[in-house]
Amino acid sequence: MMTTKTIKIKDGMIALPKEIKKSWENSKVFLECFDDSLIVKKIYSPKISFKEMAKEFRKAFKGVTKKDISKTLKEIRNVKLSE
């Protein structure tokens, strides 16, 4: 959904339009500021904890050695250098 509105900044505050206020209520946001632009992005919490994610990675990469990773990285780098 794309919503475009022109609003005023008052006392350093931006009031969200009613149409989007409800879906952004209590959200954490990331602000990216440029010379004449401000980008606001909603931050989503991960569905699983870091600990659970690490467990899944360990399971997925079981048996993969440092040597395997080094070999694969060298192959990828060689392909990129020759292009």
Protein backbone atom coordinates (compact mmCIF):
# COMPACT_ATOMS: atom_id res chain seq x y z
CA MET A 1 0.00 0.00 0.00
CA MET A 2 1.37 3.37 -1.00
CA THR A 3 0.10 6.50 0.72
CA THR A 4 1.39 9.95 -0.13
CA LYS A 5 0.53 12.93 2.07
CA THR A 6 1.87 16.40 2.69
CA ILE A 7 2.11 17.17 6.40
CA LYS A 8 3.74 19.79 8.63
CA ILE A 9 6.39 19.19 11.25
CA LYS A 10 5.37 20.93 14.47
CA ASP A 11 7.70 21.16 17.46
CA GLY A 12 9.90 18.47 15.90
CA MET A 13 6.97 16.04 15.71
CA ILE A 14 5.39 14.41 12.70
CA ALA A 15 1.71 13.50 13.02
CA LEU A 16 0.85 10.41 11.04
CA PRO A 17 -2.30 10.59 8.92
CA LYS A 18 -5.26 8.60 10.31
CA GLU A 19 -5.11 6.14 7.41
CA ILE A 20 -1.69 4.83 8.47
CA LYS A 21 -1.59 5.69 12.17
CA LYS A 22 -3.30 2.48 13.29
CA SER A 23 -0.91 0.13 11.46
CA TRP A 24 2.14 2.03 12.79
CA GLU A 25 0.95 2.35 16.42
CA ASN A 26 3.70 1.39 18.92
CA SER A 27 6.09 0.45 16.10
CA LYS A 28 9.84 0.77 16.32
CA VAL A 29 11.22 2.65 13.33
CA PHE A 30 14.51 3.28 11.58
CA LEU A 31 15.10 6.86 10.42
CA GLU A 32 17.39 7.68 7.53
CA CYS A 33 18.02 11.39 7.04
CA PHE A 34 19.41 13.05 3.92
CA ASP A 35 19.78 16.74 3.04
CA ASP A 36 16.14 17.16 2.03
CA SER A 37 14.62 13.75 2.74
CA LEU A 38 13.65 11.63 5.69
CA ILE A 39 12.93 7.94 5.24
CA VAL A 40 11.02 6.11 7.96
CA LYS A 41 11.05 2.30 7.93
CA LYS A 42 9.19 0.01 10.29
CA ILE A 43 11.42 -2.45 12.15
CA TYR A 44 9.97 -5.93 12.42
CA SER A 45 10.89 -8.29 15.23
CA PRO A 46 12.26 -11.64 14.13
CA LYS A 47 9.83 -14.55 14.30
CA ILE A 48 12.42 -16.70 16.11
CA SER A 49 15.12 -15.88 18.63
CA PHE A 50 18.78 -15.62 17.72
CA LYS A 51 19.45 -18.78 19.72
CA GLU A 52 16.84 -20.73 17.72
CA MET A 53 18.19 -19.30 14.47
CA ALA A 54 21.76 -20.36 15.36
CA LYS A 55 20.48 -23.87 16.12
CA GLU A 56 18.84 -24.03 12.65
CA PHE A 57 22.04 -22.83 10.96
CA ARG A 58 24.11 -25.44 12.79
CA LYS A 59 21.68 -28.13 11.68
CA ALA A 60 21.64 -26.89 8.06
CA PHE A 61 25.42 -26.68 7.79
CA LYS A 62 26.29 -29.83 9.75
CA GLY A 63 29.32 -31.47 8.16
CA VAL A 64 30.49 -28.31 6.36
CA THR A 65 34.10 -27.60 7.29
CA LYS A 66 36.17 -24.40 7.25
CA LYS A 67 38.10 -25.97 4.37
CA ASP A 68 34.83 -26.36 2.40
CA ILE A 69 33.98 -22.71 2.98
CA SER A 70 37.47 -21.51 2.00
CA LYS A 71 37.38 -23.59 -1.18
CA THR A 72 33.95 -22.24 -2.16
CA LEU A 73 35.00 -18.63 -1.47
CA LYS A 74 38.12 -19.04 -3.63
CA GLU A 75 35.99 -20.44 -6.46
CA ILE A 76 33.52 -17.55 -6.22
CA ARG A 77 36.30 -14.95 -6.10
CA ASN A 78 38.01 -16.50 -9.13
CA VAL A 79 34.77 -16.35 -11.13
CA LYS A 80 34.22 -12.69 -10.21
CA LEU A 81 37.82 -11.74 -11.05
CA SER A 82 37.67 -13.39 -14.47
CA GLU A 83 34.42 -11.64 -15.48
